[in-house]
Amino acid sequence: MCPFIQKKHNPEVGSRYADAVMEGDGKVVGFVSYSTQTKFVQLLAVSSQCYSQGYGAELLSYAERQIKLGGGDVVKLCITPKNDKAAAFYRRQGYCSSDTLFIKKI
C-alpha cells in the first residue's frame, strides 16, 4: 500500500503523542495520532476520496504495532456518539466497545 512517514511528536503534550502520515502519489491519504504511553489512539483520519480502500485499517494497524512495541497490551480509542460507521469499522478491526469507548487486546 502507501508508505508511512513518521511526521512529528506533539510537544504540547510532552511528546506523548506521535503522528504517522500515510501518503500515496505525493498526496496525504490519511494519518493517525497515537500514544504509546497512554495506549490511546487519539485520532484516525482518511481522505474521503480514499474511503473503503483499506487505508484506515492499515493506519490503525500501524498505531497498534507501535503501541505494542512500546510495551502496550491493549489499545483504547473513543468515537463520537452515534457514529455507527466508525463503530462498525472498529468492530471489524477486532475492537470491543462500551458506548463510545473501544478497546482491543494486542
N, C-alpha and C. Protein backbone atom coordinates (compact mmCIF):
# COMPACT_ATOMS: atom_id res chain seq x y z
N MET A 1 0.84 -1.18 0.00
CA MET A 1 0.00 0.00 0.00
C MET A 1 0.88 1.24 0.00
N CYS A 2 0.50 2.25 0.74
CA CYS A 2 1.23 3.52 0.76
C CYS A 2 2.26 3.55 1.87
N PRO A 3 3.34 4.31 1.67
CA PRO A 3 4.35 4.41 2.71
C PRO A 3 3.89 5.30 3.86
N PHE A 4 4.44 5.02 5.04
CA PHE A 4 4.18 5.86 6.22
C PHE A 4 5.35 6.79 6.40
N ILE A 5 5.06 7.96 6.89
CA ILE A 5 6.10 8.91 7.26
C ILE A 5 5.83 9.31 8.70
N GLN A 6 6.79 9.03 9.57
CA GLN A 6 6.64 9.45 10.96
C GLN A 6 6.83 10.96 10.94
N LYS A 7 5.77 11.67 11.14
CA LYS A 7 5.79 13.10 10.91
C LYS A 7 6.34 13.90 12.08
N LYS A 8 5.79 13.74 13.27
CA LYS A 8 6.23 14.58 14.38
C LYS A 8 5.75 14.03 15.70
N HIS A 9 6.32 14.54 16.75
CA HIS A 9 5.83 14.32 18.10
C HIS A 9 5.27 15.65 18.55
N ASN A 10 4.14 15.63 19.20
CA ASN A 10 3.47 16.85 19.60
C ASN A 10 4.06 17.38 20.90
N PRO A 11 4.83 18.48 20.83
CA PRO A 11 5.50 18.99 22.04
C PRO A 11 4.52 19.57 23.06
N GLU A 12 3.31 19.89 22.63
CA GLU A 12 2.33 20.49 23.54
C GLU A 12 1.85 19.49 24.59
N VAL A 13 1.98 18.22 24.34
CA VAL A 13 1.58 17.21 25.32
C VAL A 13 2.79 16.38 25.76
N GLY A 14 3.94 17.05 25.84
CA GLY A 14 5.14 16.39 26.34
C GLY A 14 5.57 15.20 25.50
N SER A 15 5.42 15.26 24.21
CA SER A 15 5.82 14.21 23.27
C SER A 15 5.10 12.89 23.53
N ARG A 16 3.92 12.93 24.14
CA ARG A 16 3.19 11.70 24.41
C ARG A 16 2.54 11.15 23.15
N TYR A 17 2.18 12.02 22.22
CA TYR A 17 1.51 11.57 21.01
C TYR A 17 2.43 11.64 19.81
N ALA A 18 2.35 10.63 18.96
CA ALA A 18 3.09 10.60 17.71
C ALA A 18 2.07 10.61 16.58
N ASP A 19 2.42 11.25 15.50
CA ASP A 19 1.55 11.29 14.33
C ASP A 19 2.23 10.58 13.17
N ALA A 20 1.56 9.63 12.58
CA ALA A 20 2.06 8.94 11.39
C ALA A 20 1.17 9.32 10.23
N VAL A 21 1.80 9.76 9.15
CA VAL A 21 1.08 10.21 7.96
C VAL A 21 1.27 9.19 6.85
N MET A 22 0.21 8.88 6.14
CA MET A 22 0.28 7.97 5.01
C MET A 22 0.11 8.78 3.73
N GLU A 23 1.02 8.56 2.79
CA GLU A 23 0.95 9.27 1.51
C GLU A 23 0.84 8.29 0.36
N GLY A 24 0.19 8.72 -0.70
CA GLY A 24 0.10 7.96 -1.93
C GLY A 24 0.09 8.90 -3.10
N ASP A 25 0.91 8.65 -4.08
CA ASP A 25 1.03 9.52 -5.26
C ASP A 25 1.31 10.97 -4.88
N GLY A 26 2.13 11.17 -3.85
CA GLY A 26 2.51 12.51 -3.43
C GLY A 26 1.45 13.27 -2.66
N LYS A 27 0.36 12.61 -2.32
CA LYS A 27 -0.71 13.28 -1.58
C LYS A 27 -0.96 12.56 -0.26
N VAL A 28 -1.41 13.31 0.72
CA VAL A 28 -1.75 12.71 2.01
C VAL A 28 -3.04 11.92 1.87
N VAL A 29 -2.98 10.65 2.25
CA VAL A 29 -4.13 9.76 2.20
C VAL A 29 -4.84 9.75 3.55
N GLY A 30 -4.05 9.80 4.64
CA GLY A 30 -4.61 9.79 5.97
C GLY A 30 -3.53 9.89 7.02
N PHE A 31 -3.96 9.95 8.27
CA PHE A 31 -2.99 9.96 9.36
C PHE A 31 -3.61 9.40 10.62
N VAL A 32 -2.73 9.04 11.54
CA VAL A 32 -3.16 8.54 12.84
C VAL A 32 -2.30 9.19 13.92
N SER A 33 -2.94 9.59 15.00
CA SER A 33 -2.25 10.16 16.14
C SER A 33 -2.47 9.20 17.31
N TYR A 34 -1.38 8.78 17.96
CA TYR A 34 -1.46 7.75 18.99
C TYR A 34 -0.42 8.00 20.07
N SER A 35 -0.60 7.36 21.22
CA SER A 35 0.35 7.46 22.32
C SER A 35 0.74 6.06 22.78
N THR A 36 2.03 5.81 22.82
CA THR A 36 2.50 4.54 23.36
C THR A 36 2.45 4.57 24.89
N GLN A 37 2.44 5.76 25.49
CA GLN A 37 2.37 5.88 26.94
C GLN A 37 0.96 5.59 27.46
N THR A 38 -0.04 6.21 26.83
CA THR A 38 -1.42 6.03 27.31
C THR A 38 -2.13 4.90 26.59
N LYS A 39 -1.49 4.35 25.54
CA LYS A 39 -2.07 3.26 24.74
C LYS A 39 -3.39 3.69 24.10
N PHE A 40 -3.41 4.94 23.63
CA PHE A 40 -4.64 5.55 23.15
C PHE A 40 -4.45 6.06 21.72
N VAL A 41 -5.40 5.74 20.85
CA VAL A 41 -5.43 6.32 19.51
C VAL A 41 -6.30 7.56 19.62
N GLN A 42 -5.67 8.71 19.47
CA GLN A 42 -6.38 9.97 19.64
C GLN A 42 -7.22 10.32 18.41
N LEU A 43 -6.66 10.07 17.23
CA LEU A 43 -7.36 10.45 16.01
C LEU A 43 -6.90 9.58 14.84
N LEU A 44 -7.86 9.13 14.06
CA LEU A 44 -7.59 8.39 12.82
C LEU A 44 -8.42 9.07 11.74
N ALA A 45 -7.77 9.50 10.69
CA ALA A 45 -8.48 10.19 9.62
C ALA A 45 -7.98 9.72 8.26
N VAL A 46 -8.91 9.55 7.34
CA VAL A 46 -8.61 9.15 5.97
C VAL A 46 -9.36 10.10 5.04
N SER A 47 -8.70 10.52 3.98
CA SER A 47 -9.34 11.39 2.99
C SER A 47 -10.60 10.73 2.45
N SER A 48 -11.66 11.50 2.29
CA SER A 48 -12.94 10.93 1.84
C SER A 48 -12.82 10.26 0.47
N GLN A 49 -11.89 10.69 -0.35
CA GLN A 49 -11.69 10.05 -1.66
C GLN A 49 -11.05 8.67 -1.53
N CYS A 50 -10.57 8.35 -0.35
CA CYS A 50 -9.85 7.10 -0.14
C CYS A 50 -10.59 6.14 0.79
N TYR A 51 -11.84 6.42 1.09
CA TYR A 51 -12.62 5.53 1.95
C TYR A 51 -12.73 4.14 1.32
N SER A 52 -12.87 3.13 2.15
CA SER A 52 -13.13 1.74 1.76
C SER A 52 -12.04 1.15 0.87
N GLN A 53 -10.80 1.61 1.07
CA GLN A 53 -9.68 1.07 0.29
C GLN A 53 -8.63 0.43 1.20
N GLY A 54 -8.93 0.32 2.50
CA GLY A 54 -8.01 -0.34 3.42
C GLY A 54 -7.03 0.58 4.11
N TYR A 55 -7.05 1.87 3.78
CA TYR A 55 -6.08 2.79 4.37
C TYR A 55 -6.31 2.98 5.87
N GLY A 56 -7.56 3.11 6.29
CA GLY A 56 -7.85 3.27 7.71
C GLY A 56 -7.39 2.07 8.51
N ALA A 57 -7.65 0.88 7.99
CA ALA A 57 -7.22 -0.35 8.67
C ALA A 57 -5.70 -0.41 8.75
N GLU A 58 -5.03 0.01 7.70
CA GLU A 58 -3.56 -0.03 7.71
C GLU A 58 -2.99 1.00 8.69
N LEU A 59 -3.57 2.18 8.73
CA LEU A 59 -3.13 3.19 9.67
C LEU A 59 -3.35 2.73 11.12
N LEU A 60 -4.51 2.17 11.37
CA LEU A 60 -4.82 1.68 12.72
C LEU A 60 -3.87 0.56 13.11
N SER A 61 -3.61 -0.35 12.21
CA SER A 61 -2.69 -1.45 12.46
C SER A 61 -1.28 -0.93 12.77
N TYR A 62 -0.87 0.11 12.07
CA TYR A 62 0.43 0.73 12.32
C TYR A 62 0.50 1.25 13.76
N ALA A 63 -0.53 2.00 14.17
CA ALA A 63 -0.56 2.54 15.53
C ALA A 63 -0.56 1.41 16.56
N GLU A 64 -1.32 0.36 16.30
CA GLU A 64 -1.36 -0.79 17.21
C GLU A 64 0.03 -1.42 17.35
N ARG A 65 0.74 -1.57 16.25
CA ARG A 65 2.10 -2.15 16.31
C ARG A 65 3.03 -1.26 17.12
N GLN A 66 2.93 0.05 16.94
CA GLN A 66 3.80 0.97 17.68
C GLN A 66 3.49 0.93 19.16
N ILE A 67 2.22 0.85 19.51
CA ILE A 67 1.82 0.77 20.91
C ILE A 67 2.32 -0.54 21.52
N LYS A 68 2.21 -1.62 20.76
CA LYS A 68 2.71 -2.92 21.25
C LYS A 68 4.23 -2.89 21.43
N LEU A 69 4.94 -2.29 20.48
CA LEU A 69 6.41 -2.16 20.60
C LEU A 69 6.78 -1.32 21.82
N GLY A 70 5.90 -0.40 22.20
CA GLY A 70 6.12 0.44 23.37
C GLY A 70 5.73 -0.23 24.68
N GLY A 71 5.35 -1.51 24.61
CA GLY A 71 5.03 -2.26 25.82
C GLY A 71 3.55 -2.39 26.11
N GLY A 72 2.71 -1.89 25.23
CA GLY A 72 1.27 -1.96 25.44
C GLY A 72 0.70 -3.33 25.13
N ASP A 73 -0.36 -3.68 25.82
CA ASP A 73 -1.06 -4.94 25.52
C ASP A 73 -2.52 -4.69 25.19
N VAL A 74 -2.90 -3.42 25.13
CA VAL A 74 -4.27 -3.04 24.81
C VAL A 74 -4.23 -1.66 24.13
N VAL A 75 -5.19 -1.42 23.25
CA VAL A 75 -5.33 -0.12 22.59
C VAL A 75 -6.72 0.39 22.89
N LYS A 76 -6.80 1.69 23.22
CA LYS A 76 -8.09 2.32 23.52
C LYS A 76 -8.32 3.48 22.55
N LEU A 77 -9.57 3.74 22.26
CA LEU A 77 -9.94 4.90 21.46
C LEU A 77 -11.40 5.22 21.71
N CYS A 78 -11.78 6.43 21.40
CA CYS A 78 -13.18 6.86 21.56
C CYS A 78 -13.70 7.37 20.23
N ILE A 79 -15.01 7.23 20.04
CA ILE A 79 -15.65 7.77 18.86
C ILE A 79 -16.76 8.72 19.28
N THR A 80 -17.22 9.52 18.33
CA THR A 80 -18.34 10.41 18.56
C THR A 80 -19.60 9.57 18.74
N PRO A 81 -20.44 9.92 19.71
CA PRO A 81 -21.69 9.16 19.90
C PRO A 81 -22.51 9.08 18.61
N LYS A 82 -23.12 7.94 18.41
CA LYS A 82 -24.00 7.66 17.26
C LYS A 82 -23.26 7.65 15.91
N ASN A 83 -21.94 7.50 15.94
CA ASN A 83 -21.16 7.38 14.71
C ASN A 83 -21.11 5.89 14.34
N ASP A 84 -22.21 5.41 13.79
CA ASP A 84 -22.35 3.98 13.50
C ASP A 84 -21.32 3.47 12.51
N LYS A 85 -20.95 4.30 11.55
CA LYS A 85 -19.96 3.89 10.55
C LYS A 85 -18.60 3.61 11.21
N ALA A 86 -18.19 4.52 12.08
CA ALA A 86 -16.91 4.33 12.79
C ALA A 86 -17.00 3.12 13.73
N ALA A 87 -18.12 2.98 14.44
CA ALA A 87 -18.28 1.85 15.35
C ALA A 87 -18.16 0.53 14.59
N ALA A 88 -18.80 0.44 13.43
CA ALA A 88 -18.72 -0.78 12.62
C ALA A 88 -17.29 -1.03 12.15
N PHE A 89 -16.59 0.02 11.75
CA PHE A 89 -15.20 -0.11 11.31
C PHE A 89 -14.34 -0.69 12.42
N TYR A 90 -14.42 -0.11 13.62
CA TYR A 90 -13.58 -0.58 14.72
C TYR A 90 -13.95 -2.01 15.16
N ARG A 91 -15.20 -2.35 15.10
CA ARG A 91 -15.58 -3.73 15.42
C ARG A 91 -14.98 -4.70 14.39
N ARG A 92 -14.98 -4.31 13.12
CA ARG A 92 -14.36 -5.17 12.09
C ARG A 92 -12.86 -5.33 12.34
N GLN A 93 -12.26 -4.36 13.00
CA GLN A 93 -10.82 -4.43 13.29
C GLN A 93 -10.54 -5.19 14.59
N GLY A 94 -11.59 -5.72 15.24
CA GLY A 94 -11.39 -6.54 16.43
C GLY A 94 -11.60 -5.83 17.75
N TYR A 95 -12.11 -4.61 17.72
CA TYR A 95 -12.34 -3.85 18.95
C TYR A 95 -13.68 -4.21 19.57
N CYS A 96 -13.72 -4.14 20.90
CA CYS A 96 -14.95 -4.29 21.67
C CYS A 96 -15.29 -2.92 22.22
N SER A 97 -16.58 -2.68 22.46
CA SER A 97 -16.95 -1.35 22.91
C SER A 97 -17.93 -1.37 24.05
N SER A 98 -17.91 -0.26 24.77
CA SER A 98 -18.96 0.06 25.73
C SER A 98 -19.30 1.51 25.43
N ASP A 99 -20.39 1.71 24.75
CA ASP A 99 -20.83 3.03 24.32
C ASP A 99 -19.83 3.60 23.29
N THR A 100 -19.06 4.63 23.65
CA THR A 100 -18.16 5.25 22.69
C THR A 100 -16.70 4.89 22.91
N LEU A 101 -16.39 4.10 23.94
CA LEU A 101 -15.02 3.66 24.21
C LEU A 101 -14.81 2.30 23.58
N PHE A 102 -13.76 2.16 22.77
CA PHE A 102 -13.41 0.90 22.12
C PHE A 102 -12.07 0.45 22.64
N ILE A 103 -11.94 -0.86 22.87
CA ILE A 103 -10.71 -1.44 23.42
C ILE A 103 -10.37 -2.71 22.64
N LYS A 104 -9.08 -2.90 22.39
CA LYS A 104 -8.63 -4.12 21.71
C LYS A 104 -7.38 -4.63 22.42
N LYS A 105 -7.36 -5.89 22.78
CA LYS A 105 -6.18 -6.53 23.33
C LYS A 105 -5.25 -6.85 22.17
N ILE A 106 -3.97 -6.50 22.28
CA ILE A 106 -3.00 -6.73 21.20
C ILE A 106 -1.87 -7.63 21.65
